[in-house]
Amino acid sequence: MEALYKIGKGLDSEIDFLIVSDASPPLNYQNRKGSMSFTNMKRLLDIAMYQVGALRRRDFSTRVVAKGDGLYVRIGDCNYPTTLLAPTAANFDMLLKRGVESAENSAIKR
């Protein structure tokens, strides 16, 4: 998304319409354990990254979706982790299927 859309600026000048799909897991409530454990430090990072994502989603919705220049699709409960690795063929097929289903459901509701 960052290569095609800049927070505060909008879409790249060469893009007419952008569909953003999100298969990341929701940030769930967790009880804190200990004080400076690896788990707690990772949780703090997860919270910060979730907040950055929420700001991006809001900005994208305000600047692009509201104008009809794009679409944000939450891909159900896929909970696919964000990594720098290419997905396996099976995972790609699963994400594609869920994305199509989510887009179809979104179109039906409009």
PDB file of N, CA and C in Angstrom:
ATOM      1  N   MET A   1       0.823  -1.193   0.000  1.00  0.00           N
ATOM      2  CA  MET A   1       0.000   0.000   0.000  1.00  0.00           C
ATOM      3  C   MET A   1       0.868   1.257   0.000  1.00  0.00           C
ATOM      4  N   GLU A   2       1.985   1.223   0.727  1.00  0.00           N
ATOM      5  CA  GLU A   2       2.817   2.414   0.857  1.00  0.00           C
ATOM      6  C   GLU A   2       3.384   2.890  -0.472  1.00  0.00           C
ATOM      7  N   ALA A   3       3.638   1.968  -1.400  1.00  0.00           N
ATOM      8  CA  ALA A   3       4.186   2.364  -2.693  1.00  0.00           C
ATOM      9  C   ALA A   3       3.141   3.072  -3.560  1.00  0.00           C
ATOM     10  N   LEU A   4       1.865   2.837  -3.285  1.00  0.00           N
ATOM     11  CA  LEU A   4       0.793   3.361  -4.122  1.00  0.00           C
ATOM     12  C   LEU A   4       0.000   4.493  -3.476  1.00  0.00           C
ATOM     13  N   TYR A   5       0.096   4.597  -2.158  1.00  0.00           N
ATOM     14  CA  TYR A   5      -0.696   5.575  -1.417  1.00  0.00           C
ATOM     15  C   TYR A   5       0.139   6.165  -0.284  1.00  0.00           C
ATOM     16  N   LYS A   6       0.170   7.482  -0.206  1.00  0.00           N
ATOM     17  CA  LYS A   6       0.919   8.168   0.843  1.00  0.00           C
ATOM     18  C   LYS A   6      -0.046   8.879   1.784  1.00  0.00           C
ATOM     19  N   ILE A   7       0.116   8.629   3.082  1.00  0.00           N
ATOM     20  CA  ILE A   7      -0.728   9.284   4.083  1.00  0.00           C
ATOM     21  C   ILE A   7      -0.593  10.796   3.936  1.00  0.00           C
ATOM     22  N   GLY A   8      -1.728  11.472   3.921  1.00  0.00           N
ATOM     23  CA  GLY A   8      -1.742  12.923   3.817  1.00  0.00           C
ATOM     24  C   GLY A   8      -1.642  13.448   2.400  1.00  0.00           C
ATOM     25  N   LYS A   9      -1.266  12.585   1.439  1.00  0.00           N
ATOM     26  CA  LYS A   9      -1.116  13.030   0.053  1.00  0.00           C
ATOM     27  C   LYS A   9      -2.101  12.355  -0.884  1.00  0.00           C
ATOM     28  N   GLY A  10      -2.420  11.097  -0.627  1.00  0.00           N
ATOM     29  CA  GLY A  10      -3.365  10.377  -1.465  1.00  0.00           C
ATOM     30  C   GLY A  10      -2.702   9.409  -2.421  1.00  0.00           C
ATOM     31  N   LEU A  11      -3.429   9.068  -3.471  1.00  0.00           N
ATOM     32  CA  LEU A  11      -2.968   8.085  -4.445  1.00  0.00           C
ATOM     33  C   LEU A  11      -1.825   8.621  -5.292  1.00  0.00           C
ATOM     34  N   ASP A  12      -0.973   7.724  -5.743  1.00  0.00           N
ATOM     35  CA  ASP A  12       0.054   8.052  -6.713  1.00  0.00           C
ATOM     36  C   ASP A  12      -0.647   8.625  -7.950  1.00  0.00           C
ATOM     37  N   SER A  13      -0.044   9.560  -8.626  1.00  0.00           N
ATOM     38  CA  SER A  13      -0.690  10.248  -9.750  1.00  0.00           C
ATOM     39  C   SER A  13      -1.070   9.326 -10.907  1.00  0.00           C
ATOM     40  N   GLU A  14      -0.451   8.158 -10.999  1.00  0.00           N
ATOM     41  CA  GLU A  14      -0.738   7.232 -12.093  1.00  0.00           C
ATOM     42  C   GLU A  14      -1.857   6.245 -11.764  1.00  0.00           C
ATOM     43  N   ILE A  15      -2.446   6.344 -10.570  1.00  0.00           N
ATOM     44  CA  ILE A  15      -3.469   5.390 -10.146  1.00  0.00           C
ATOM     45  C   ILE A  15      -4.844   6.041 -10.170  1.00  0.00           C
ATOM     46  N   ASP A  16      -5.785   5.364 -10.839  1.00  0.00           N
ATOM     47  CA  ASP A  16      -7.160   5.857 -10.915  1.00  0.00           C
ATOM     48  C   ASP A  16      -8.044   5.270  -9.824  1.00  0.00           C
ATOM     49  N   PHE A  17      -7.784   4.015  -9.451  1.00  0.00           N
ATOM     50  CA  PHE A  17      -8.620   3.316  -8.476  1.00  0.00           C
ATOM     51  C   PHE A  17      -7.753   2.283  -7.765  1.00  0.00           C
ATOM     52  N   LEU A  18      -7.841   2.211  -6.442  1.00  0.00           N
ATOM     53  CA  LEU A  18      -7.021   1.282  -5.668  1.00  0.00           C
ATOM     54  C   LEU A  18      -7.890   0.461  -4.734  1.00  0.00           C
ATOM     55  N   ILE A  19      -7.724  -0.851  -4.792  1.00  0.00           N
ATOM     56  CA  ILE A  19      -8.402  -1.753  -3.871  1.00  0.00           C
ATOM     57  C   ILE A  19      -7.371  -2.253  -2.868  1.00  0.00           C
ATOM     58  N   VAL A  20      -7.631  -2.029  -1.591  1.00  0.00           N
ATOM     59  CA  VAL A  20      -6.749  -2.480  -0.521  1.00  0.00           C
ATOM     60  C   VAL A  20      -7.458  -3.595   0.220  1.00  0.00           C
ATOM     61  N   SER A  21      -6.791  -4.745   0.339  1.00  0.00           N
ATOM     62  CA  SER A  21      -7.358  -5.851   1.110  1.00  0.00           C
ATOM     63  C   SER A  21      -6.508  -6.080   2.343  1.00  0.00           C
ATOM     64  N   ASP A  22      -7.161  -6.450   3.427  1.00  0.00           N
ATOM     65  CA  ASP A  22      -6.488  -6.618   4.709  1.00  0.00           C
ATOM     66  C   ASP A  22      -6.863  -7.970   5.303  1.00  0.00           C
ATOM     67  N   ALA A  23      -5.880  -8.855   5.434  1.00  0.00           N
ATOM     68  CA  ALA A  23      -6.114 -10.176   6.010  1.00  0.00           C
ATOM     69  C   ALA A  23      -5.428 -10.326   7.363  1.00  0.00           C
ATOM     70  N   SER A  24      -4.997  -9.211   7.935  1.00  0.00           N
ATOM     71  CA  SER A  24      -4.292  -9.283   9.213  1.00  0.00           C
ATOM     72  C   SER A  24      -5.248  -9.624  10.345  1.00  0.00           C
ATOM     73  N   PRO A  25      -4.713 -10.250  11.393  1.00  0.00           N
ATOM     74  CA  PRO A  25      -5.578 -10.608  12.522  1.00  0.00           C
ATOM     75  C   PRO A  25      -5.941  -9.385  13.349  1.00  0.00           C
ATOM     76  N   PRO A  26      -7.097  -9.398  13.993  1.00  0.00           N
ATOM     77  CA  PRO A  26      -7.463  -8.284  14.871  1.00  0.00           C
ATOM     78  C   PRO A  26      -6.587  -8.293  16.124  1.00  0.00           C
ATOM     79  N   LEU A  27      -6.459  -7.145  16.751  1.00  0.00           N
ATOM     80  CA  LEU A  27      -5.694  -7.039  17.987  1.00  0.00           C
ATOM     81  C   LEU A  27      -6.621  -7.380  19.138  1.00  0.00           C
ATOM     82  N   ASN A  28      -6.397  -8.500  19.769  1.00  0.00           N
ATOM     83  CA  ASN A  28      -7.264  -8.968  20.847  1.00  0.00           C
ATOM     84  C   ASN A  28      -6.724  -8.564  22.210  1.00  0.00           C
ATOM     85  N   TYR A  29      -7.608  -8.542  23.187  1.00  0.00           N
ATOM     86  CA  TYR A  29      -7.240  -8.235  24.573  1.00  0.00           C
ATOM     87  C   TYR A  29      -6.375  -9.363  25.130  1.00  0.00           C
ATOM     88  N   GLN A  30      -5.329  -8.984  25.868  1.00  0.00           N
ATOM     89  CA  GLN A  30      -4.478  -9.967  26.542  1.00  0.00           C
ATOM     90  C   GLN A  30      -4.124  -9.449  27.926  1.00  0.00           C
ATOM     91  N   ASN A  31      -4.077 -10.359  28.896  1.00  0.00           N
ATOM     92  CA  ASN A  31      -3.585  -9.997  30.223  1.00  0.00           C
ATOM     93  C   ASN A  31      -2.074  -9.893  30.170  1.00  0.00           C
ATOM     94  N   ARG A  32      -1.523  -8.901  30.864  1.00  0.00           N
ATOM     95  CA  ARG A  32      -0.084  -8.706  30.906  1.00  0.00           C
ATOM     96  C   ARG A  32       0.553  -9.703  31.861  1.00  0.00           C
ATOM     97  N   LYS A  33       1.701 -10.224  31.466  1.00  0.00           N
ATOM     98  CA  LYS A  33       2.422 -11.187  32.312  1.00  0.00           C
ATOM     99  C   LYS A  33       3.808 -10.629  32.618  1.00  0.00           C
ATOM    100  N   GLY A  34       4.145 -10.529  33.891  1.00  0.00           N
ATOM    101  CA  GLY A  34       5.468 -10.035  34.255  1.00  0.00           C
ATOM    102  C   GLY A  34       5.630  -8.565  33.930  1.00  0.00           C
ATOM    103  N   SER A  35       6.887  -8.113  33.860  1.00  0.00           N
ATOM    104  CA  SER A  35       7.101  -6.698  33.593  1.00  0.00           C
ATOM    105  C   SER A  35       7.873  -6.442  32.302  1.00  0.00           C
ATOM    106  N   MET A  36       9.033  -7.028  32.129  1.00  0.00           N
ATOM    107  CA  MET A  36       9.850  -6.750  30.940  1.00  0.00           C
ATOM    108  C   MET A  36      10.104  -8.019  30.132  1.00  0.00           C
ATOM    109  N   SER A  37       9.101  -8.834  29.988  1.00  0.00           N
ATOM    110  CA  SER A  37       9.274 -10.079  29.239  1.00  0.00           C
ATOM    111  C   SER A  37       9.245  -9.812  27.738  1.00  0.00           C
ATOM    112  N   PHE A  38       9.773 -10.766  26.972  1.00  0.00           N
ATOM    113  CA  PHE A  38       9.732 -10.679  25.515  1.00  0.00           C
ATOM    114  C   PHE A  38       8.290 -10.585  25.037  1.00  0.00           C
ATOM    115  N   THR A  39       7.390 -11.338  25.652  1.00  0.00           N
ATOM    116  CA  THR A  39       5.978 -11.328  25.273  1.00  0.00           C
ATOM    117  C   THR A  39       5.380  -9.936  25.421  1.00  0.00           C
ATOM    118  N   ASN A  40       5.706  -9.262  26.543  1.00  0.00           N
ATOM    119  CA  ASN A  40       5.179  -7.910  26.752  1.00  0.00           C
ATOM    120  C   ASN A  40       5.770  -6.916  25.757  1.00  0.00           C
ATOM    121  N   MET A  41       7.050  -7.052  25.449  1.00  0.00           N
ATOM    122  CA  MET A  41       7.687  -6.159  24.485  1.00  0.00           C
ATOM    123  C   MET A  41       7.094  -6.357  23.090  1.00  0.00           C
ATOM    124  N   LYS A  42       6.855  -7.603  22.718  1.00  0.00           N
ATOM    125  CA  LYS A  42       6.230  -7.883  21.424  1.00  0.00           C
ATOM    126  C   LYS A  42       4.819  -7.317  21.392  1.00  0.00           C
ATOM    127  N   ARG A  43       4.110  -7.428  22.495  1.00  0.00           N
ATOM    128  CA  ARG A  43       2.751  -6.899  22.579  1.00  0.00           C
ATOM    129  C   ARG A  43       2.743  -5.381  22.383  1.00  0.00           C
ATOM    130  N   LEU A  44       3.709  -4.683  22.987  1.00  0.00           N
ATOM    131  CA  LEU A  44       3.815  -3.237  22.804  1.00  0.00           C
ATOM    132  C   LEU A  44       4.055  -2.892  21.335  1.00  0.00           C
ATOM    133  N   LEU A  45       4.915  -3.659  20.676  1.00  0.00           N
ATOM    134  CA  LEU A  45       5.164  -3.447  19.255  1.00  0.00           C
ATOM    135  C   LEU A  45       3.907  -3.721  18.435  1.00  0.00           C
ATOM    136  N   ASP A  46       3.189  -4.795  18.767  1.00  0.00           N
ATOM    137  CA  ASP A  46       1.944  -5.119  18.067  1.00  0.00           C
ATOM    138  C   ASP A  46       0.925  -3.981  18.201  1.00  0.00           C
ATOM    139  N   ILE A  47       0.819  -3.413  19.398  1.00  0.00           N
ATOM    140  CA  ILE A  47      -0.122  -2.312  19.629  1.00  0.00           C
ATOM    141  C   ILE A  47       0.267  -1.097  18.794  1.00  0.00           C
ATOM    142  N   ALA A  48       1.552  -0.765  18.792  1.00  0.00           N
ATOM    143  CA  ALA A  48       2.021   0.385  18.008  1.00  0.00           C
ATOM    144  C   ALA A  48       1.761   0.165  16.514  1.00  0.00           C
ATOM    145  N   MET A  49       2.027  -1.037  16.013  1.00  0.00           N
ATOM    146  CA  MET A  49       1.805  -1.325  14.593  1.00  0.00           C
ATOM    147  C   MET A  49       0.316  -1.307  14.262  1.00  0.00           C
ATOM    148  N   TYR A  50      -0.512  -1.782  15.165  1.00  0.00           N
ATOM    149  CA  TYR A  50      -1.952  -1.760  14.954  1.00  0.00           C
ATOM    150  C   TYR A  50      -2.451  -0.313  14.859  1.00  0.00           C
ATOM    151  N   GLN A  51      -1.913   0.549  15.721  1.00  0.00           N
ATOM    152  CA  GLN A  51      -2.320   1.949  15.700  1.00  0.00           C
ATOM    153  C   GLN A  51      -1.888   2.635  14.404  1.00  0.00           C
ATOM    154  N   VAL A  52      -0.706   2.326  13.923  1.00  0.00           N
ATOM    155  CA  VAL A  52      -0.245   2.874  12.642  1.00  0.00           C
ATOM    156  C   VAL A  52      -1.169   2.403  11.522  1.00  0.00           C
ATOM    157  N   GLY A  53      -1.527   1.124  11.536  1.00  0.00           N
ATOM    158  CA  GLY A  53      -2.446   0.593  10.532  1.00  0.00           C
ATOM    159  C   GLY A  53      -3.806   1.262  10.582  1.00  0.00           C
ATOM    160  N   ALA A  54      -4.300   1.520  11.801  1.00  0.00           N
ATOM    161  CA  ALA A  54      -5.593   2.183  11.959  1.00  0.00           C
ATOM    162  C   ALA A  54      -5.547   3.602  11.387  1.00  0.00           C
ATOM    163  N   LEU A  55      -4.446   4.303  11.596  1.00  0.00           N
ATOM    164  CA  LEU A  55      -4.297   5.649  11.026  1.00  0.00           C
ATOM    165  C   LEU A  55      -4.290   5.584   9.502  1.00  0.00           C
ATOM    166  N   ARG A  56      -3.588   4.608   8.952  1.00  0.00           N
ATOM    167  CA  ARG A  56      -3.554   4.444   7.492  1.00  0.00           C
ATOM    168  C   ARG A  56      -4.947   4.147   6.945  1.00  0.00           C
ATOM    169  N   ARG A  57      -5.664   3.227   7.611  1.00  0.00           N
ATOM    170  CA  ARG A  57      -7.016   2.880   7.145  1.00  0.00           C
ATOM    171  C   ARG A  57      -7.939   4.090   7.178  1.00  0.00           C
ATOM    172  N   ARG A  58      -7.887   4.863   8.262  1.00  0.00           N
ATOM    173  CA  ARG A  58      -8.742   6.052   8.362  1.00  0.00           C
ATOM    174  C   ARG A  58      -8.402   7.079   7.292  1.00  0.00           C
ATOM    175  N   ASP A  59      -7.110   7.325   7.091  1.00  0.00           N
ATOM    176  CA  ASP A  59      -6.688   8.293   6.089  1.00  0.00           C
ATOM    177  C   ASP A  59      -7.094   7.832   4.693  1.00  0.00           C
ATOM    178  N   PHE A  60      -6.887   6.542   4.407  1.00  0.00           N
ATOM    179  CA  PHE A  60      -7.270   5.982   3.110  1.00  0.00           C
ATOM    180  C   PHE A  60      -8.773   6.100   2.904  1.00  0.00           C
ATOM    181  N   SER A  61      -9.545   5.792   3.924  1.00  0.00           N
ATOM    182  CA  SER A  61     -11.004   5.881   3.821  1.00  0.00           C
ATOM    183  C   SER A  61     -11.455   7.316   3.580  1.00  0.00           C
ATOM    184  N   THR A  62     -10.845   8.260   4.276  1.00  0.00           N
ATOM    185  CA  THR A  62     -11.222   9.662   4.141  1.00  0.00           C
ATOM    186  C   THR A  62     -10.820  10.243   2.794  1.00  0.00           C
ATOM    187  N   ARG A  63      -9.619   9.942   2.341  1.00  0.00           N
ATOM    188  CA  ARG A  63      -9.090  10.564   1.121  1.00  0.00           C
ATOM    189  C   ARG A  63      -9.429   9.815  -0.161  1.00  0.00           C
ATOM    190  N   VAL A  64      -9.642   8.515  -0.081  1.00  0.00           N
ATOM    191  CA  VAL A  64      -9.818   7.734  -1.303  1.00  0.00           C
ATOM    192  C   VAL A  64     -11.203   7.096  -1.394  1.00  0.00           C
ATOM    193  N   VAL A  65     -11.563   6.296  -0.405  1.00  0.00           N
ATOM    194  CA  VAL A  65     -12.841   5.580  -0.444  1.00  0.00           C
ATOM    195  C   VAL A  65     -14.015   6.548  -0.485  1.00  0.00           C
ATOM    196  N   ALA A  66     -13.980   7.587   0.338  1.00  0.00           N
ATOM    197  CA  ALA A  66     -15.079   8.549   0.396  1.00  0.00           C
ATOM    198  C   ALA A  66     -15.284   9.281  -0.935  1.00  0.00           C
ATOM    199  N   LYS A  67     -14.218   9.416  -1.722  1.00  0.00           N
ATOM    200  CA  LYS A  67     -14.303  10.086  -3.020  1.00  0.00           C
ATOM    201  C   LYS A  67     -14.658   9.117  -4.150  1.00  0.00           C
ATOM    202  N   GLY A  68     -14.736   7.816  -3.835  1.00  0.00           N
ATOM    203  CA  GLY A  68     -15.042   6.835  -4.870  1.00  0.00           C
ATOM    204  C   GLY A  68     -13.839   6.422  -5.689  1.00  0.00           C
ATOM    205  N   ASP A  69     -12.626   6.712  -5.199  1.00  0.00           N
ATOM    206  CA  ASP A  69     -11.405   6.371  -5.929  1.00  0.00           C
ATOM    207  C   ASP A  69     -10.755   5.089  -5.442  1.00  0.00           C
ATOM    208  N   GLY A  70     -11.424   4.376  -4.536  1.00  0.00           N
ATOM    209  CA  GLY A  70     -10.825   3.152  -4.031  1.00  0.00           C
ATOM    210  C   GLY A  70     -11.778   2.391  -3.142  1.00  0.00           C
ATOM    211  N   LEU A  71     -11.297   1.247  -2.678  1.00  0.00           N
ATOM    212  CA  LEU A  71     -12.102   0.354  -1.853  1.00  0.00           C
ATOM    213  C   LEU A  71     -11.190  -0.328  -0.845  1.00  0.00           C
ATOM    214  N   TYR A  72     -11.629  -0.386   0.407  1.00  0.00           N
ATOM    215  CA  TYR A  72     -10.913  -1.114   1.460  1.00  0.00           C
ATOM    216  C   TYR A  72     -11.736  -2.338   1.805  1.00  0.00           C
ATOM    217  N   VAL A  73     -11.126  -3.517   1.691  1.00  0.00           N
ATOM    218  CA  VAL A  73     -11.831  -4.772   1.946  1.00  0.00           C
ATOM    219  C   VAL A  73     -11.123  -5.520   3.065  1.00  0.00           C
ATOM    220  N   ARG A  74     -11.843  -5.768   4.130  1.00  0.00           N
ATOM    221  CA  ARG A  74     -11.332  -6.588   5.239  1.00  0.00           C
ATOM    222  C   ARG A  74     -11.666  -8.025   4.895  1.00  0.00           C
ATOM    223  N   ILE A  75     -10.645  -8.877   4.804  1.00  0.00           N
ATOM    224  CA  ILE A  75     -10.856 -10.256   4.390  1.00  0.00           C
ATOM    225  C   ILE A  75     -11.183 -11.115   5.603  1.00  0.00           C
ATOM    226  N   GLY A  76     -12.398 -10.974   6.073  1.00  0.00           N
ATOM    227  CA  GLY A  76     -12.948 -11.819   7.130  1.00  0.00           C
ATOM    228  C   GLY A  76     -12.013 -12.162   8.258  1.00  0.00           C
ATOM    229  N   ASP A  77     -12.021 -13.421   8.630  1.00  0.00           N
ATOM    230  CA  ASP A  77     -11.206 -13.890   9.757  1.00  0.00           C
ATOM    231  C   ASP A  77     -10.045 -14.739   9.275  1.00  0.00           C
ATOM    232  N   CYS A  78      -9.444 -14.335   8.187  1.00  0.00           N
ATOM    233  CA  CYS A  78      -8.319 -15.055   7.598  1.00  0.00           C
ATOM    234  C   CYS A  78      -7.143 -15.153   8.570  1.00  0.00           C
ATOM    235  N   ASN A  79      -6.858 -14.057   9.271  1.00  0.00           N
ATOM    236  CA  ASN A  79      -5.736 -13.996  10.217  1.00  0.00           C
ATOM    237  C   ASN A  79      -4.419 -14.430   9.591  1.00  0.00           C
ATOM    238  N   TYR A  80      -4.162 -13.968   8.393  1.00  0.00           N
ATOM    239  CA  TYR A  80      -2.910 -14.302   7.715  1.00  0.00           C
ATOM    240  C   TYR A  80      -1.817 -13.371   8.218  1.00  0.00           C
ATOM    241  N   PRO A  81      -0.703 -13.907   8.679  1.00  0.00           N
ATOM    242  CA  PRO A  81       0.330 -13.052   9.262  1.00  0.00           C
ATOM    243  C   PRO A  81       1.042 -12.206   8.210  1.00  0.00           C
ATOM    244  N   THR A  82       1.451 -11.012   8.601  1.00  0.00           N
ATOM    245  CA  THR A  82       2.224 -10.150   7.718  1.00  0.00           C
ATOM    246  C   THR A  82       3.683 -10.567   7.799  1.00  0.00           C
ATOM    247  N   THR A  83       4.251 -10.932   6.663  1.00  0.00           N
ATOM    248  CA  THR A  83       5.660 -11.307   6.602  1.00  0.00           C
ATOM    249  C   THR A  83       6.255 -10.741   5.316  1.00  0.00           C
ATOM    250  N   LEU A  84       7.552 -10.865   5.180  1.00  0.00           N
ATOM    251  CA  LEU A  84       8.220 -10.457   3.949  1.00  0.00           C
ATOM    252  C   LEU A  84       8.395 -11.640   3.002  1.00  0.00           C
ATOM    253  N   LEU A  85       7.876 -12.795   3.386  1.00  0.00           N
ATOM    254  CA  LEU A  85       8.005 -13.995   2.574  1.00  0.00           C
ATOM    255  C   LEU A  85       6.834 -14.129   1.613  1.00  0.00           C
ATOM    256  N   ALA A  86       7.101 -14.688   0.450  1.00  0.00           N
ATOM    257  CA  ALA A  86       6.023 -14.953  -0.507  1.00  0.00           C
ATOM    258  C   ALA A  86       5.141 -16.062   0.059  1.00  0.00           C
ATOM    259  N   PRO A  87       3.827 -15.946  -0.124  1.00  0.00           N
ATOM    260  CA  PRO A  87       2.942 -17.014   0.370  1.00  0.00           C
ATOM    261  C   PRO A  87       3.100 -18.278  -0.465  1.00  0.00           C
ATOM    262  N   THR A  88       2.820 -19.406   0.146  1.00  0.00           N
ATOM    263  CA  THR A  88       2.807 -20.652  -0.616  1.00  0.00           C
ATOM    264  C   THR A  88       1.652 -20.583  -1.613  1.00  0.00           C
ATOM    265  N   ALA A  89       1.653 -21.472  -2.576  1.00  0.00           N
ATOM    266  CA  ALA A  89       0.568 -21.499  -3.563  1.00  0.00           C
ATOM    267  C   ALA A  89      -0.776 -21.719  -2.875  1.00  0.00           C
ATOM    268  N   ALA A  90      -0.794 -22.612  -1.886  1.00  0.00           N
ATOM    269  CA  ALA A  90      -2.048 -22.897  -1.162  1.00  0.00           C
ATOM    270  C   ALA A  90      -2.523 -21.667  -0.392  1.00  0.00           C
ATOM    271  N   ASN A  91      -1.604 -20.958   0.282  1.00  0.00           N
ATOM    272  CA  ASN A  91      -1.981 -19.756   1.022  1.00  0.00           C
ATOM    273  C   ASN A  91      -2.439 -18.647   0.081  1.00  0.00           C
ATOM    274  N   PHE A  92      -1.772 -18.508  -1.066  1.00  0.00           N
ATOM    275  CA  PHE A  92      -2.196 -17.503  -2.042  1.00  0.00           C
ATOM    276  C   PHE A  92      -3.610 -17.795  -2.524  1.00  0.00           C
ATOM    277  N   ASP A  93      -3.880 -19.054  -2.841  1.00  0.00           N
ATOM    278  CA  ASP A  93      -5.220 -19.444  -3.301  1.00  0.00           C
ATOM    279  C   ASP A  93      -6.273 -19.163  -2.229  1.00  0.00           C
ATOM    280  N   MET A  94      -5.927 -19.442  -0.959  1.00  0.00           N
ATOM    281  CA  MET A  94      -6.857 -19.194   0.140  1.00  0.00           C
ATOM    282  C   MET A  94      -7.138 -17.696   0.278  1.00  0.00           C
ATOM    283  N   LEU A  95      -6.087 -16.864   0.222  1.00  0.00           N
ATOM    284  CA  LEU A  95      -6.263 -15.416   0.327  1.00  0.00           C
ATOM    285  C   LEU A  95      -7.069 -14.875  -0.851  1.00  0.00           C
ATOM    286  N   LEU A  96      -6.784 -15.376  -2.044  1.00  0.00           N
ATOM    287  CA  LEU A  96      -7.520 -14.938  -3.228  1.00  0.00           C
ATOM    288  C   LEU A  96      -9.001 -15.283  -3.102  1.00  0.00           C
ATOM    289  N   LYS A  97      -9.289 -16.512  -2.682  1.00  0.00           N
ATOM    290  CA  LYS A  97     -10.677 -16.945  -2.519  1.00  0.00           C
ATOM    291  C   LYS A  97     -11.395 -16.073  -1.483  1.00  0.00           C
ATOM    292  N   ARG A  98     -10.745 -15.847  -0.331  1.00  0.00           N
ATOM    293  CA  ARG A  98     -11.354 -15.024   0.716  1.00  0.00           C
ATOM    294  C   ARG A  98     -11.544 -13.584   0.250  1.00  0.00           C
ATOM    295  N   GLY A  99     -10.584 -13.062  -0.518  1.00  0.00           N
ATOM    296  CA  GLY A  99     -10.693 -11.713  -1.046  1.00  0.00           C
ATOM    297  C   GLY A  99     -11.866 -11.563  -2.001  1.00  0.00           C
ATOM    298  N   VAL A 100     -12.029 -12.538  -2.884  1.00  0.00           N
ATOM    299  CA  VAL A 100     -13.158 -12.513  -3.825  1.00  0.00           C
ATOM    300  C   VAL A 100     -14.476 -12.575  -3.061  1.00  0.00           C
ATOM    301  N   GLU A 101     -14.562 -13.477  -2.076  1.00  0.00           N
ATOM    302  CA  GLU A 101     -15.784 -13.594  -1.274  1.00  0.00           C
ATOM    303  C   GLU A 101     -16.088 -12.293  -0.537  1.00  0.00           C
ATOM    304  N   SER A 102     -15.068 -11.680   0.048  1.00  0.00           N
ATOM    305  CA  SER A 102     -15.264 -10.429   0.780  1.00  0.00           C
ATOM    306  C   SER A 102     -15.690  -9.306  -0.150  1.00  0.00           C
ATOM    307  N   ALA A 103     -15.067  -9.227  -1.324  1.00  0.00           N
ATOM    308  CA  ALA A 103     -15.433  -8.183  -2.286  1.00  0.00           C
ATOM    309  C   ALA A 103     -16.865  -8.375  -2.773  1.00  0.00           C
ATOM    310  N   GLU A 104     -17.246  -9.629  -3.028  1.00  0.00           N
ATOM    311  CA  GLU A 104     -18.612  -9.895  -3.458  1.00  0.00           C
ATOM    312  C   GLU A 104     -19.619  -9.528  -2.371  1.00  0.00           C
ATOM    313  N   ASN A 105     -19.318  -9.873  -1.119  1.00  0.00           N
ATOM    314  CA  ASN A 105     -20.197  -9.518  -0.001  1.00  0.00           C
ATOM    315  C   ASN A 105     -20.279  -8.017   0.177  1.00  0.00           C
ATOM    316  N   SER A 106     -19.163  -7.316  -0.012  1.00  0.00           N
ATOM    317  CA  SER A 106     -19.142  -5.865   0.111  1.00  0.00           C
ATOM    318  C   SER A 106     -19.988  -5.234  -0.987  1.00  0.00           C
ATOM    319  N   ALA A 107     -19.889  -5.761  -2.201  1.00  0.00           N
ATOM    320  CA  ALA A 107     -20.663  -5.217  -3.325  1.00  0.00           C
ATOM    321  C   ALA A 107     -22.157  -5.449  -3.132  1.00  0.00           C
ATOM    322  N   ILE A 108     -22.509  -6.596  -2.540  1.00  0.00           N
ATOM    323  CA  ILE A 108     -23.923  -6.929  -2.311  1.00  0.00           C
ATOM    324  C   ILE A 108     -24.536  -5.948  -1.310  1.00  0.00           C
ATOM    325  N   LYS A 109     -23.770  -5.533  -0.292  1.00  0.00           N
ATOM    326  CA  LYS A 109     -24.281  -4.662   0.758  1.00  0.00           C
ATOM    327  C   LYS A 109     -24.475  -3.225   0.285  1.00  0.00           C
ATOM    328  N   ARG A 110     -23.862  -2.839  -0.819  1.00  0.00           N
ATOM    329  CA  ARG A 110     -23.939  -1.441  -1.294  1.00  0.00           C
ATOM    330  C   ARG A 110     -25.193  -1.172  -2.026  1.00  0.00           C
TER     331      ARG A 110
END
